[in-house]
PDB file of N, CA and C in Angstrom:
ATOM      1  N   MET A   1     -11.377 -17.993 -31.589  1.00  0.00           N
ATOM      2  CA  MET A   1     -11.627 -18.228 -30.176  1.00  0.00           C
ATOM      3  C   MET A   1     -12.879 -17.446 -29.788  1.00  0.00           C
ATOM      4  N   ALA A   2     -13.886 -18.143 -29.338  1.00  0.00           N
ATOM      5  CA  ALA A   2     -15.119 -17.501 -28.874  1.00  0.00           C
ATOM      6  C   ALA A   2     -15.143 -17.518 -27.348  1.00  0.00           C
ATOM      7  N   ILE A   3     -15.510 -16.379 -26.778  1.00  0.00           N
ATOM      8  CA  ILE A   3     -15.522 -16.235 -25.326  1.00  0.00           C
ATOM      9  C   ILE A   3     -16.898 -15.761 -24.880  1.00  0.00           C
ATOM     10  N   ALA A   4     -17.422 -16.381 -23.850  1.00  0.00           N
ATOM     11  CA  ALA A   4     -18.667 -15.938 -23.230  1.00  0.00           C
ATOM     12  C   ALA A   4     -18.308 -15.107 -21.995  1.00  0.00           C
ATOM     13  N   TYR A   5     -18.919 -13.946 -21.877  1.00  0.00           N
ATOM     14  CA  TYR A   5     -18.644 -13.042 -20.761  1.00  0.00           C
ATOM     15  C   TYR A   5     -19.850 -12.987 -19.830  1.00  0.00           C
ATOM     16  N   SER A   6     -19.559 -12.855 -18.529  1.00  0.00           N
ATOM     17  CA  SER A   6     -20.643 -12.766 -17.545  1.00  0.00           C
ATOM     18  C   SER A   6     -20.181 -11.964 -16.333  1.00  0.00           C
ATOM     19  N   TRP A   7     -21.138 -11.502 -15.560  1.00  0.00           N
ATOM     20  CA  TRP A   7     -20.887 -10.771 -14.323  1.00  0.00           C
ATOM     21  C   TRP A   7     -21.183 -11.664 -13.134  1.00  0.00           C
ATOM     22  N   ARG A   8     -20.402 -11.510 -12.086  1.00  0.00           N
ATOM     23  CA  ARG A   8     -20.740 -12.088 -10.782  1.00  0.00           C
ATOM     24  C   ARG A   8     -20.715 -10.920  -9.796  1.00  0.00           C
ATOM     25  N   ILE A   9     -21.788 -10.752  -9.068  1.00  0.00           N
ATOM     26  CA  ILE A   9     -21.865  -9.697  -8.064  1.00  0.00           C
ATOM     27  C   ILE A   9     -21.390 -10.302  -6.750  1.00  0.00           C
ATOM     28  N   ASN A  10     -20.263  -9.794  -6.259  1.00  0.00           N
ATOM     29  CA  ASN A  10     -19.655 -10.359  -5.061  1.00  0.00           C
ATOM     30  C   ASN A  10     -20.188  -9.741  -3.781  1.00  0.00           C
ATOM     31  N   GLN A  11     -20.482  -8.446  -3.830  1.00  0.00           N
ATOM     32  CA  GLN A  11     -20.895  -7.748  -2.613  1.00  0.00           C
ATOM     33  C   GLN A  11     -21.483  -6.403  -3.001  1.00  0.00           C
ATOM     34  N   LEU A  12     -22.437  -5.959  -2.212  1.00  0.00           N
ATOM     35  CA  LEU A  12     -22.991  -4.621  -2.350  1.00  0.00           C
ATOM     36  C   LEU A  12     -22.754  -3.889  -1.039  1.00  0.00           C
ATOM     37  N   ASP A  13     -22.137  -2.707  -1.114  1.00  0.00           N
ATOM     38  CA  ASP A  13     -21.975  -1.872   0.077  1.00  0.00           C
ATOM     39  C   ASP A  13     -23.140  -0.891   0.095  1.00  0.00           C
ATOM     40  N   ALA A  14     -23.787  -0.775   1.239  1.00  0.00           N
ATOM     41  CA  ALA A  14     -24.973   0.076   1.325  1.00  0.00           C
ATOM     42  C   ALA A  14     -24.974   0.886   2.609  1.00  0.00           C
ATOM     43  N   LYS A  15     -25.499   2.100   2.497  1.00  0.00           N
ATOM     44  CA  LYS A  15     -25.793   2.905   3.676  1.00  0.00           C
ATOM     45  C   LYS A  15     -27.048   2.313   4.317  1.00  0.00           C
ATOM     46  N   ILE A  16     -27.037   2.197   5.632  1.00  0.00           N
ATOM     47  CA  ILE A  16     -28.223   1.668   6.314  1.00  0.00           C
ATOM     48  C   ILE A  16     -29.421   2.569   6.019  1.00  0.00           C
ATOM     49  N   GLU A  17     -29.170   3.874   6.025  1.00  0.00           N
ATOM     50  CA  GLU A  17     -30.225   4.828   5.688  1.00  0.00           C
ATOM     51  C   GLU A  17     -29.585   6.108   5.169  1.00  0.00           C
ATOM     52  N   GLU A  18     -30.174   6.670   4.129  1.00  0.00           N
ATOM     53  CA  GLU A  18     -29.727   7.951   3.590  1.00  0.00           C
ATOM     54  C   GLU A  18     -30.949   8.715   3.093  1.00  0.00           C
ATOM     55  N   ASP A  19     -31.115   9.926   3.577  1.00  0.00           N
ATOM     56  CA  ASP A  19     -32.264  10.766   3.211  1.00  0.00           C
ATOM     57  C   ASP A  19     -33.590  10.041   3.419  1.00  0.00           C
ATOM     58  N   GLY A  20     -33.669   9.229   4.480  1.00  0.00           N
ATOM     59  CA  GLY A  20     -34.902   8.516   4.791  1.00  0.00           C
ATOM     60  C   GLY A  20     -35.121   7.249   3.982  1.00  0.00           C
ATOM     61  N   VAL A  21     -34.152   6.885   3.157  1.00  0.00           N
ATOM     62  CA  VAL A  21     -34.254   5.674   2.338  1.00  0.00           C
ATOM     63  C   VAL A  21     -33.311   4.627   2.913  1.00  0.00           C
ATOM     64  N   LYS A  22     -33.777   3.396   3.027  1.00  0.00           N
ATOM     65  CA  LYS A  22     -32.980   2.315   3.617  1.00  0.00           C
ATOM     66  C   LYS A  22     -32.216   1.532   2.544  1.00  0.00           C
ATOM     67  N   ASN A  23     -31.052   0.978   2.972  1.00  0.00           N
ATOM     68  CA  ASN A  23     -30.220   0.127   2.105  1.00  0.00           C
ATOM     69  C   ASN A  23     -29.862   0.806   0.787  1.00  0.00           C
ATOM     70  N   VAL A  24     -29.241   1.978   0.896  1.00  0.00           N
ATOM     71  CA  VAL A  24     -28.836   2.730  -0.285  1.00  0.00           C
ATOM     72  C   VAL A  24     -27.452   2.238  -0.719  1.00  0.00           C
ATOM     73  N   ILE A  25     -27.417   1.572  -1.849  1.00  0.00           N
ATOM     74  CA  ILE A  25     -26.170   0.980  -2.338  1.00  0.00           C
ATOM     75  C   ILE A  25     -25.268   2.076  -2.889  1.00  0.00           C
ATOM     76  N   TYR A  26     -23.983   2.012  -2.491  1.00  0.00           N
ATOM     77  CA  TYR A  26     -23.023   2.991  -2.989  1.00  0.00           C
ATOM     78  C   TYR A  26     -21.831   2.349  -3.696  1.00  0.00           C
ATOM     79  N   ASP A  27     -21.583   1.068  -3.537  1.00  0.00           N
ATOM     80  CA  ASP A  27     -20.514   0.361  -4.248  1.00  0.00           C
ATOM     81  C   ASP A  27     -20.981  -1.040  -4.625  1.00  0.00           C
ATOM     82  N   VAL A  28     -20.674  -1.432  -5.858  1.00  0.00           N
ATOM     83  CA  VAL A  28     -20.932  -2.791  -6.327  1.00  0.00           C
ATOM     84  C   VAL A  28     -19.576  -3.452  -6.563  1.00  0.00           C
ATOM     85  N   HIS A  29     -19.298  -4.508  -5.819  1.00  0.00           N
ATOM     86  CA  HIS A  29     -18.072  -5.297  -6.007  1.00  0.00           C
ATOM     87  C   HIS A  29     -18.421  -6.429  -6.974  1.00  0.00           C
ATOM     88  N   TYR A  30     -17.647  -6.543  -8.056  1.00  0.00           N
ATOM     89  CA  TYR A  30     -17.995  -7.497  -9.106  1.00  0.00           C
ATOM     90  C   TYR A  30     -16.775  -8.275  -9.580  1.00  0.00           C
ATOM     91  N   THR A  31     -17.064  -9.371 -10.271  1.00  0.00           N
ATOM     92  CA  THR A  31     -16.082 -10.102 -11.055  1.00  0.00           C
ATOM     93  C   THR A  31     -16.632 -10.183 -12.470  1.00  0.00           C
ATOM     94  N   TYR A  32     -15.812  -9.782 -13.439  1.00  0.00           N
ATOM     95  CA  TYR A  32     -16.181  -9.920 -14.848  1.00  0.00           C
ATOM     96  C   TYR A  32     -15.417 -11.134 -15.365  1.00  0.00           C
ATOM     97  N   ILE A  33     -16.147 -12.116 -15.877  1.00  0.00           N
ATOM     98  CA  ILE A  33     -15.577 -13.420 -16.200  1.00  0.00           C
ATOM     99  C   ILE A  33     -15.706 -13.692 -17.696  1.00  0.00           C
ATOM    100  N   GLY A  34     -14.630 -14.219 -18.272  1.00  0.00           N
ATOM    101  CA  GLY A  34     -14.665 -14.694 -19.647  1.00  0.00           C
ATOM    102  C   GLY A  34     -14.319 -16.171 -19.665  1.00  0.00           C
ATOM    103  N   THR A  35     -15.108 -16.958 -20.379  1.00  0.00           N
ATOM    104  CA  THR A  35     -14.893 -18.396 -20.476  1.00  0.00           C
ATOM    105  C   THR A  35     -14.792 -18.795 -21.941  1.00  0.00           C
ATOM    106  N   ASP A  36     -13.752 -19.543 -22.257  1.00  0.00           N
ATOM    107  CA  ASP A  36     -13.560 -20.035 -23.620  1.00  0.00           C
ATOM    108  C   ASP A  36     -14.668 -21.030 -23.943  1.00  0.00           C
ATOM    109  N   LEU A  37     -15.399 -20.783 -25.010  1.00  0.00           N
ATOM    110  CA  LEU A  37     -16.515 -21.668 -25.361  1.00  0.00           C
ATOM    111  C   LEU A  37     -16.056 -23.010 -25.915  1.00  0.00           C
ATOM    112  N   ASP A  38     -14.817 -23.080 -26.418  1.00  0.00           N
ATOM    113  CA  ASP A  38     -14.306 -24.345 -26.928  1.00  0.00           C
ATOM    114  C   ASP A  38     -13.778 -25.241 -25.811  1.00  0.00           C
ATOM    115  N   ASN A  39     -13.349 -24.637 -24.719  1.00  0.00           N
ATOM    116  CA  ASN A  39     -12.844 -25.392 -23.571  1.00  0.00           C
ATOM    117  C   ASN A  39     -13.257 -24.654 -22.308  1.00  0.00           C
ATOM    118  N   LYS A  40     -14.361 -25.068 -21.720  1.00  0.00           N
ATOM    119  CA  LYS A  40     -14.938 -24.358 -20.578  1.00  0.00           C
ATOM    120  C   LYS A  40     -14.055 -24.395 -19.327  1.00  0.00           C
ATOM    121  N   ASP A  41     -12.969 -25.190 -19.361  1.00  0.00           N
ATOM    122  CA  ASP A  41     -12.023 -25.202 -18.244  1.00  0.00           C
ATOM    123  C   ASP A  41     -11.060 -24.018 -18.310  1.00  0.00           C
ATOM    124  N   ILE A  42     -11.064 -23.292 -19.416  1.00  0.00           N
ATOM    125  CA  ILE A  42     -10.179 -22.143 -19.569  1.00  0.00           C
ATOM    126  C   ILE A  42     -10.998 -20.874 -19.398  1.00  0.00           C
ATOM    127  N   SER A  43     -10.598 -20.064 -18.413  1.00  0.00           N
ATOM    128  CA  SER A  43     -11.303 -18.815 -18.157  1.00  0.00           C
ATOM    129  C   SER A  43     -10.340 -17.800 -17.566  1.00  0.00           C
ATOM    130  N   SER A  44     -10.802 -16.571 -17.499  1.00  0.00           N
ATOM    131  CA  SER A  44     -10.041 -15.491 -16.893  1.00  0.00           C
ATOM    132  C   SER A  44     -11.060 -14.519 -16.298  1.00  0.00           C
ATOM    133  N   SER A  45     -10.647 -13.777 -15.291  1.00  0.00           N
ATOM    134  CA  SER A  45     -11.587 -12.852 -14.670  1.00  0.00           C
ATOM    135  C   SER A  45     -10.877 -11.615 -14.153  1.00  0.00           C
ATOM    136  N   ILE A  46     -11.672 -10.577 -13.948  1.00  0.00           N
ATOM    137  CA  ILE A  46     -11.180  -9.300 -13.431  1.00  0.00           C
ATOM    138  C   ILE A  46     -12.114  -8.855 -12.315  1.00  0.00           C
ATOM    139  N   LEU A  47     -11.527  -8.477 -11.183  1.00  0.00           N
ATOM    140  CA  LEU A  47     -12.285  -7.946 -10.051  1.00  0.00           C
ATOM    141  C   LEU A  47     -12.343  -6.435 -10.142  1.00  0.00           C
ATOM    142  N   GLY A  48     -13.437  -5.864  -9.667  1.00  0.00           N
ATOM    143  CA  GLY A  48     -13.533  -4.413  -9.656  1.00  0.00           C
ATOM    144  C   GLY A  48     -14.637  -3.939  -8.730  1.00  0.00           C
ATOM    145  N   VAL A  49     -14.712  -2.620  -8.607  1.00  0.00           N
ATOM    146  CA  VAL A  49     -15.744  -1.972  -7.801  1.00  0.00           C
ATOM    147  C   VAL A  49     -16.329  -0.832  -8.624  1.00  0.00           C
ATOM    148  N   LEU A  50     -17.648  -0.784  -8.696  1.00  0.00           N
ATOM    149  CA  LEU A  50     -18.342   0.306  -9.376  1.00  0.00           C
ATOM    150  C   LEU A  50     -19.041   1.167  -8.332  1.00  0.00           C
ATOM    151  N   PRO A  51     -18.643   2.443  -8.190  1.00  0.00           N
ATOM    152  CA  PRO A  51     -19.374   3.339  -7.292  1.00  0.00           C
ATOM    153  C   PRO A  51     -20.754   3.639  -7.881  1.00  0.00           C
ATOM    154  N   THR A  52     -21.752   3.645  -7.042  1.00  0.00           N
ATOM    155  CA  THR A  52     -23.117   3.942  -7.482  1.00  0.00           C
ATOM    156  C   THR A  52     -23.705   5.010  -6.562  1.00  0.00           C
ATOM    157  N   PRO A  53     -23.353   6.268  -6.789  1.00  0.00           N
ATOM    158  CA  PRO A  53     -23.827   7.321  -5.885  1.00  0.00           C
ATOM    159  C   PRO A  53     -25.344   7.462  -5.921  1.00  0.00           C
ATOM    160  N   TYR A  54     -25.891   7.721  -4.767  1.00  0.00           N
ATOM    161  CA  TYR A  54     -27.337   7.911  -4.626  1.00  0.00           C
ATOM    162  C   TYR A  54     -27.720   9.278  -5.164  1.00  0.00           C
ATOM    163  N   ASP A  55     -28.736   9.312  -6.007  1.00  0.00           N
ATOM    164  CA  ASP A  55     -29.258  10.566  -6.557  1.00  0.00           C
ATOM    165  C   ASP A  55     -30.728  10.657  -6.179  1.00  0.00           C
ATOM    166  N   PRO A  56     -31.048  11.523  -5.193  1.00  0.00           N
ATOM    167  CA  PRO A  56     -32.446  11.614  -4.750  1.00  0.00           C
ATOM    168  C   PRO A  56     -33.410  12.002  -5.873  1.00  0.00           C
ATOM    169  N   GLY A  57     -32.910  12.579  -6.969  1.00  0.00           N
ATOM    170  CA  GLY A  57     -33.777  12.980  -8.068  1.00  0.00           C
ATOM    171  C   GLY A  57     -34.152  11.846  -9.001  1.00  0.00           C
ATOM    172  N   LYS A  58     -33.473  10.708  -8.880  1.00  0.00           N
ATOM    173  CA  LYS A  58     -33.763   9.568  -9.754  1.00  0.00           C
ATOM    174  C   LYS A  58     -34.598   8.544  -9.005  1.00  0.00           C
ATOM    175  N   PRO A  59     -35.344   7.715  -9.728  1.00  0.00           N
ATOM    176  CA  PRO A  59     -36.127   6.674  -9.057  1.00  0.00           C
ATOM    177  C   PRO A  59     -35.218   5.732  -8.267  1.00  0.00           C
ATOM    178  N   PHE A  60     -35.638   5.397  -7.066  1.00  0.00           N
ATOM    179  CA  PHE A  60     -34.863   4.509  -6.205  1.00  0.00           C
ATOM    180  C   PHE A  60     -35.364   3.082  -6.367  1.00  0.00           C
ATOM    181  N   VAL A  61     -34.431   2.164  -6.558  1.00  0.00           N
ATOM    182  CA  VAL A  61     -34.773   0.745  -6.659  1.00  0.00           C
ATOM    183  C   VAL A  61     -34.392   0.103  -5.325  1.00  0.00           C
ATOM    184  N   PRO A  62     -35.357  -0.358  -4.544  1.00  0.00           N
ATOM    185  CA  PRO A  62     -35.024  -0.942  -3.240  1.00  0.00           C
ATOM    186  C   PRO A  62     -34.310  -2.280  -3.382  1.00  0.00           C
ATOM    187  N   TRP A  63     -33.366  -2.497  -2.458  1.00  0.00           N
ATOM    188  CA  TRP A  63     -32.615  -3.744  -2.440  1.00  0.00           C
ATOM    189  C   TRP A  63     -33.551  -4.913  -2.207  1.00  0.00           C
ATOM    190  N   ALA A  64     -33.293  -6.011  -2.914  1.00  0.00           N
ATOM    191  CA  ALA A  64     -34.038  -7.250  -2.719  1.00  0.00           C
ATOM    192  C   ALA A  64     -33.102  -8.400  -3.063  1.00  0.00           C
ATOM    193  N   ASP A  65     -33.252  -9.497  -2.365  1.00  0.00           N
ATOM    194  CA  ASP A  65     -32.437 -10.680  -2.623  1.00  0.00           C
ATOM    195  C   ASP A  65     -33.162 -11.548  -3.650  1.00  0.00           C
ATOM    196  N   ASP A  66     -33.228 -11.044  -4.900  1.00  0.00           N
ATOM    197  CA  ASP A  66     -33.920 -11.797  -5.941  1.00  0.00           C
ATOM    198  C   ASP A  66     -33.306 -11.503  -7.308  1.00  0.00           C
ATOM    199  N   GLN A  67     -33.737 -12.254  -8.291  1.00  0.00           N
ATOM    200  CA  GLN A  67     -33.196 -12.143  -9.652  1.00  0.00           C
ATOM    201  C   GLN A  67     -33.489 -10.784 -10.265  1.00  0.00           C
ATOM    202  N   ALA A  68     -34.657 -10.227  -9.988  1.00  0.00           N
ATOM    203  CA  ALA A  68     -35.003  -8.934 -10.578  1.00  0.00           C
ATOM    204  C   ALA A  68     -34.020  -7.861 -10.142  1.00  0.00           C
ATOM    205  N   PHE A  69     -33.669  -7.842  -8.853  1.00  0.00           N
ATOM    206  CA  PHE A  69     -32.719  -6.841  -8.384  1.00  0.00           C
ATOM    207  C   PHE A  69     -31.324  -7.122  -8.927  1.00  0.00           C
ATOM    208  N   GLU A  70     -30.944  -8.396  -9.022  1.00  0.00           N
ATOM    209  CA  GLU A  70     -29.654  -8.734  -9.621  1.00  0.00           C
ATOM    210  C   GLU A  70     -29.577  -8.183 -11.043  1.00  0.00           C
ATOM    211  N   ASN A  71     -30.663  -8.289 -11.791  1.00  0.00           N
ATOM    212  CA  ASN A  71     -30.697  -7.751 -13.149  1.00  0.00           C
ATOM    213  C   ASN A  71     -30.537  -6.234 -13.159  1.00  0.00           C
ATOM    214  N   VAL A  72     -31.095  -5.549 -12.154  1.00  0.00           N
ATOM    215  CA  VAL A  72     -30.920  -4.103 -12.026  1.00  0.00           C
ATOM    216  C   VAL A  72     -29.446  -3.779 -11.822  1.00  0.00           C
ATOM    217  N   VAL A  73     -28.787  -4.501 -10.919  1.00  0.00           N
ATOM    218  CA  VAL A  73     -27.369  -4.253 -10.634  1.00  0.00           C
ATOM    219  C   VAL A  73     -26.517  -4.550 -11.864  1.00  0.00           C
ATOM    220  N   ILE A  74     -26.815  -5.608 -12.578  1.00  0.00           N
ATOM    221  CA  ILE A  74     -26.079  -5.913 -13.808  1.00  0.00           C
ATOM    222  C   ILE A  74     -26.295  -4.790 -14.831  1.00  0.00           C
ATOM    223  N   GLY A  75     -27.475  -4.216 -14.853  1.00  0.00           N
ATOM    224  CA  GLY A  75     -27.721  -3.047 -15.704  1.00  0.00           C
ATOM    225  C   GLY A  75     -26.835  -1.876 -15.322  1.00  0.00           C
ATOM    226  N   TRP A  76     -26.645  -1.658 -14.010  1.00  0.00           N
ATOM    227  CA  TRP A  76     -25.728  -0.601 -13.558  1.00  0.00           C
ATOM    228  C   TRP A  76     -24.312  -0.885 -14.056  1.00  0.00           C
ATOM    229  N   LEU A  77     -23.887  -2.150 -13.937  1.00  0.00           N
ATOM    230  CA  LEU A  77     -22.539  -2.526 -14.377  1.00  0.00           C
ATOM    231  C   LEU A  77     -22.379  -2.293 -15.876  1.00  0.00           C
ATOM    232  N   ASN A  78     -23.362  -2.734 -16.663  1.00  0.00           N
ATOM    233  CA  ASN A  78     -23.284  -2.565 -18.111  1.00  0.00           C
ATOM    234  C   ASN A  78     -23.275  -1.095 -18.510  1.00  0.00           C
ATOM    235  N   ALA A  79     -24.009  -0.265 -17.776  1.00  0.00           N
ATOM    236  CA  ALA A  79     -24.072   1.160 -18.094  1.00  0.00           C
ATOM    237  C   ALA A  79     -22.849   1.921 -17.576  1.00  0.00           C
ATOM    238  N   GLY A  80     -22.257   1.443 -16.482  1.00  0.00           N
ATOM    239  CA  GLY A  80     -21.209   2.212 -15.826  1.00  0.00           C
ATOM    240  C   GLY A  80     -19.789   1.805 -16.127  1.00  0.00           C
ATOM    241  N   ILE A  81     -19.604   0.696 -16.828  1.00  0.00           N
ATOM    242  CA  ILE A  81     -18.248   0.193 -17.073  1.00  0.00           C
ATOM    243  C   ILE A  81     -18.053  -0.033 -18.568  1.00  0.00           C
ATOM    244  N   ASN A  82     -16.939   0.466 -19.077  1.00  0.00           N
ATOM    245  CA  ASN A  82     -16.551   0.184 -20.452  1.00  0.00           C
ATOM    246  C   ASN A  82     -15.930  -1.211 -20.461  1.00  0.00           C
ATOM    247  N   VAL A  83     -16.667  -2.189 -20.948  1.00  0.00           N
ATOM    248  CA  VAL A  83     -16.196  -3.573 -20.884  1.00  0.00           C
ATOM    249  C   VAL A  83     -15.163  -3.908 -21.964  1.00  0.00           C
ATOM    250  N   THR A  84     -15.000  -3.051 -22.964  1.00  0.00           N
ATOM    251  CA  THR A  84     -14.064  -3.365 -24.051  1.00  0.00           C
ATOM    252  C   THR A  84     -12.653  -3.642 -23.539  1.00  0.00           C
ATOM    253  N   PRO A  85     -12.056  -2.772 -22.695  1.00  0.00           N
ATOM    254  CA  PRO A  85     -10.711  -3.097 -22.210  1.00  0.00           C
ATOM    255  C   PRO A  85     -10.687  -4.338 -21.313  1.00  0.00           C
ATOM    256  N   LEU A  86     -11.775  -4.584 -20.574  1.00  0.00           N
ATOM    257  CA  LEU A  86     -11.839  -5.793 -19.756  1.00  0.00           C
ATOM    258  C   LEU A  86     -11.849  -7.027 -20.653  1.00  0.00           C
ATOM    259  N   GLN A  87     -12.656  -6.985 -21.700  1.00  0.00           N
ATOM    260  CA  GLN A  87     -12.732  -8.115 -22.624  1.00  0.00           C
ATOM    261  C   GLN A  87     -11.405  -8.338 -23.337  1.00  0.00           C
ATOM    262  N   GLU A  88     -10.724  -7.258 -23.708  1.00  0.00           N
ATOM    263  CA  GLU A  88      -9.416  -7.401 -24.361  1.00  0.00           C
ATOM    264  C   GLU A  88      -8.410  -8.065 -23.433  1.00  0.00           C
ATOM    265  N   SER A  89      -8.410  -7.654 -22.167  1.00  0.00           N
ATOM    266  CA  SER A  89      -7.481  -8.236 -21.196  1.00  0.00           C
ATOM    267  C   SER A  89      -7.797  -9.703 -20.939  1.00  0.00           C
ATOM    268  N   ILE A  90      -9.069 -10.015 -20.789  1.00  0.00           N
ATOM    269  CA  ILE A  90      -9.483 -11.402 -20.555  1.00  0.00           C
ATOM    270  C   ILE A  90      -9.145 -12.265 -21.768  1.00  0.00           C
ATOM    271  N   ALA A  91      -9.438 -11.768 -22.980  1.00  0.00           N
ATOM    272  CA  ALA A  91      -9.146 -12.529 -24.199  1.00  0.00           C
ATOM    273  C   ALA A  91      -7.651 -12.789 -24.329  1.00  0.00           C
ATOM    274  N   LYS A  92      -6.835 -11.794 -24.000  1.00  0.00           N
ATOM    275  CA  LYS A  92      -5.375 -11.968 -24.056  1.00  0.00           C
ATOM    276  C   LYS A  92      -4.929 -13.046 -23.080  1.00  0.00           C
ATOM    277  N   ASN A  93      -5.476 -13.015 -21.867  1.00  0.00           N
ATOM    278  CA  ASN A  93      -5.105 -14.015 -20.863  1.00  0.00           C
ATOM    279  C   ASN A  93      -5.535 -15.414 -21.293  1.00  0.00           C
ATOM    280  N   ILE A  94      -6.729 -15.542 -21.823  1.00  0.00           N
ATOM    281  CA  ILE A  94      -7.202 -16.854 -22.286  1.00  0.00           C
ATOM    282  C   ILE A  94      -6.334 -17.346 -23.431  1.00  0.00           C
ATOM    283  N   ASN A  95      -6.002 -16.455 -24.373  1.00  0.00           N
ATOM    284  CA  ASN A  95      -5.134 -16.839 -25.494  1.00  0.00           C
ATOM    285  C   ASN A  95      -3.773 -17.317 -24.997  1.00  0.00           C
ATOM    286  N   GLU A  96      -3.225 -16.650 -23.971  1.00  0.00           N
ATOM    287  CA  GLU A  96      -1.936 -17.067 -23.414  1.00  0.00           C
ATOM    288  C   GLU A  96      -2.031 -18.414 -22.694  1.00  0.00           C
ATOM    289  N   GLN A  97      -3.205 -18.727 -22.156  1.00  0.00           N
ATOM    290  CA  GLN A  97      -3.389 -20.055 -21.555  1.00  0.00           C
ATOM    291  C   GLN A  97      -3.426 -21.126 -22.639  1.00  0.00           C
ATOM    292  N   ILE A  98      -4.042 -20.809 -23.770  1.00  0.00           N
ATOM    293  CA  ILE A  98      -4.152 -21.765 -24.873  1.00  0.00           C
ATOM    294  C   ILE A  98      -2.828 -21.878 -25.620  1.00  0.00           C
ATOM    295  N   ASN A  99      -2.155 -20.747 -25.818  1.00  0.00           N
ATOM    296  CA  ASN A  99      -0.896 -20.674 -26.564  1.00  0.00           C
ATOM    297  C   ASN A  99       0.172 -20.022 -25.690  1.00  0.00           C
ATOM    298  N   PRO A 100       0.693 -20.752 -24.708  1.00  0.00           N
ATOM    299  CA  PRO A 100       1.640 -20.127 -23.779  1.00  0.00           C
ATOM    300  C   PRO A 100       2.937 -19.704 -24.464  1.00  0.00           C
ATOM    301  N   VAL A 101       3.474 -18.582 -23.982  1.00  0.00           N
ATOM    302  CA  VAL A 101       4.752 -18.095 -24.478  1.00  0.00           C
ATOM    303  C   VAL A 101       5.819 -18.149 -23.385  1.00  0.00           C
ATOM    304  N   ASP A 102       5.409 -18.416 -22.180  1.00  0.00           N
ATOM    305  CA  ASP A 102       6.322 -18.527 -21.042  1.00  0.00           C
ATOM    306  C   ASP A 102       6.082 -19.861 -20.343  1.00  0.00           C
ATOM    307  N   GLU A 103       7.096 -20.295 -19.632  1.00  0.00           N
ATOM    308  CA  GLU A 103       6.947 -21.491 -18.816  1.00  0.00           C
ATOM    309  C   GLU A 103       7.735 -21.304 -17.530  1.00  0.00           C
ATOM    310  N   LYS A 104       7.442 -22.101 -16.563  1.00  0.00           N
ATOM    311  CA  LYS A 104       8.157 -22.079 -15.301  1.00  0.00           C
ATOM    312  C   LYS A 104       9.127 -23.255 -15.279  1.00  0.00           C
ATOM    313  N   LEU A 105      10.384 -22.979 -14.962  1.00  0.00           N
ATOM    314  CA  LEU A 105      11.406 -24.011 -14.902  1.00  0.00           C
ATOM    315  C   LEU A 105      11.840 -24.160 -13.448  1.00  0.00           C
ATOM    316  N   TYR A 106      11.959 -25.392 -13.005  1.00  0.00           N
ATOM    317  CA  TYR A 106      12.298 -25.664 -11.607  1.00  0.00           C
ATOM    318  C   TYR A 106      13.535 -26.551 -11.547  1.00  0.00           C
ATOM    319  N   PHE A 107      14.365 -26.325 -10.551  1.00  0.00           N
ATOM    320  CA  PHE A 107      15.514 -27.188 -10.302  1.00  0.00           C
ATOM    321  C   PHE A 107      15.023 -28.469  -9.643  1.00  0.00           C
ATOM    322  N   THR A 108      15.567 -29.595 -10.087  1.00  0.00           N
ATOM    323  CA  THR A 108      15.172 -30.869  -9.488  1.00  0.00           C
ATOM    324  C   THR A 108      16.362 -31.595  -8.893  1.00  0.00           C
ATOM    325  N   PHE A 109      17.560 -30.964  -8.916  1.00  0.00           N
ATOM    326  CA  PHE A 109      18.717 -31.639  -8.367  1.00  0.00           C
ATOM    327  C   PHE A 109      18.991 -31.148  -6.950  1.00  0.00           C
ATOM    328  N   ASN A 110      19.719 -31.930  -6.240  1.00  0.00           N
ATOM    329  CA  ASN A 110      20.081 -31.615  -4.851  1.00  0.00           C
ATOM    330  C   ASN A 110      21.530 -31.126  -4.848  1.00  0.00           C
ATOM    331  N   ASN A 111      21.738 -29.946  -4.397  1.00  0.00           N
ATOM    332  CA  ASN A 111      23.081 -29.352  -4.385  1.00  0.00           C
ATOM    333  C   ASN A 111      23.688 -29.457  -2.990  1.00  0.00           C
ATOM    334  N   SER A 112      23.633 -30.653  -2.425  1.00  0.00           N
ATOM    335  CA  SER A 112      24.137 -30.856  -1.063  1.00  0.00           C
ATOM    336  C   SER A 112      25.642 -31.160  -1.041  1.00  0.00           C
ATOM    337  N   GLY A 113      26.253 -31.271  -2.215  1.00  0.00           N
ATOM    338  CA  GLY A 113      27.694 -31.531  -2.291  1.00  0.00           C
ATOM    339  C   GLY A 113      28.043 -33.012  -2.183  1.00  0.00           C
ATOM    340  N   GLU A 114      27.089 -33.859  -2.172  1.00  0.00           N
ATOM    341  CA  GLU A 114      27.365 -35.306  -2.067  1.00  0.00           C
ATOM    342  C   GLU A 114      27.463 -35.950  -3.421  1.00  0.00           C
TER     343      GLU A 114
END
């Protein structure tokens, strides 16, 4: 089973201004997604939040609504999150979708006494 993994950035929380710098991001809300390459209709995902504290001693990357900034944020995610347990959980869920071990059983009779 081959799985392709990707990030979706759902939201960035930012201070309007901190230490004279505008739009200082402090939380990245993300979805980490795994999709089965053999059947793209089968996928699993995990939601999370990565805190990104502002460090005045490090270079500041200003917020922008463009691909370059998205790549910066994905770099933060890759550096700040151990994806191995996320990938293991996603792979397990996808495997259970392909090879289910549980099922849901429903009553279809009417117990009205008639």
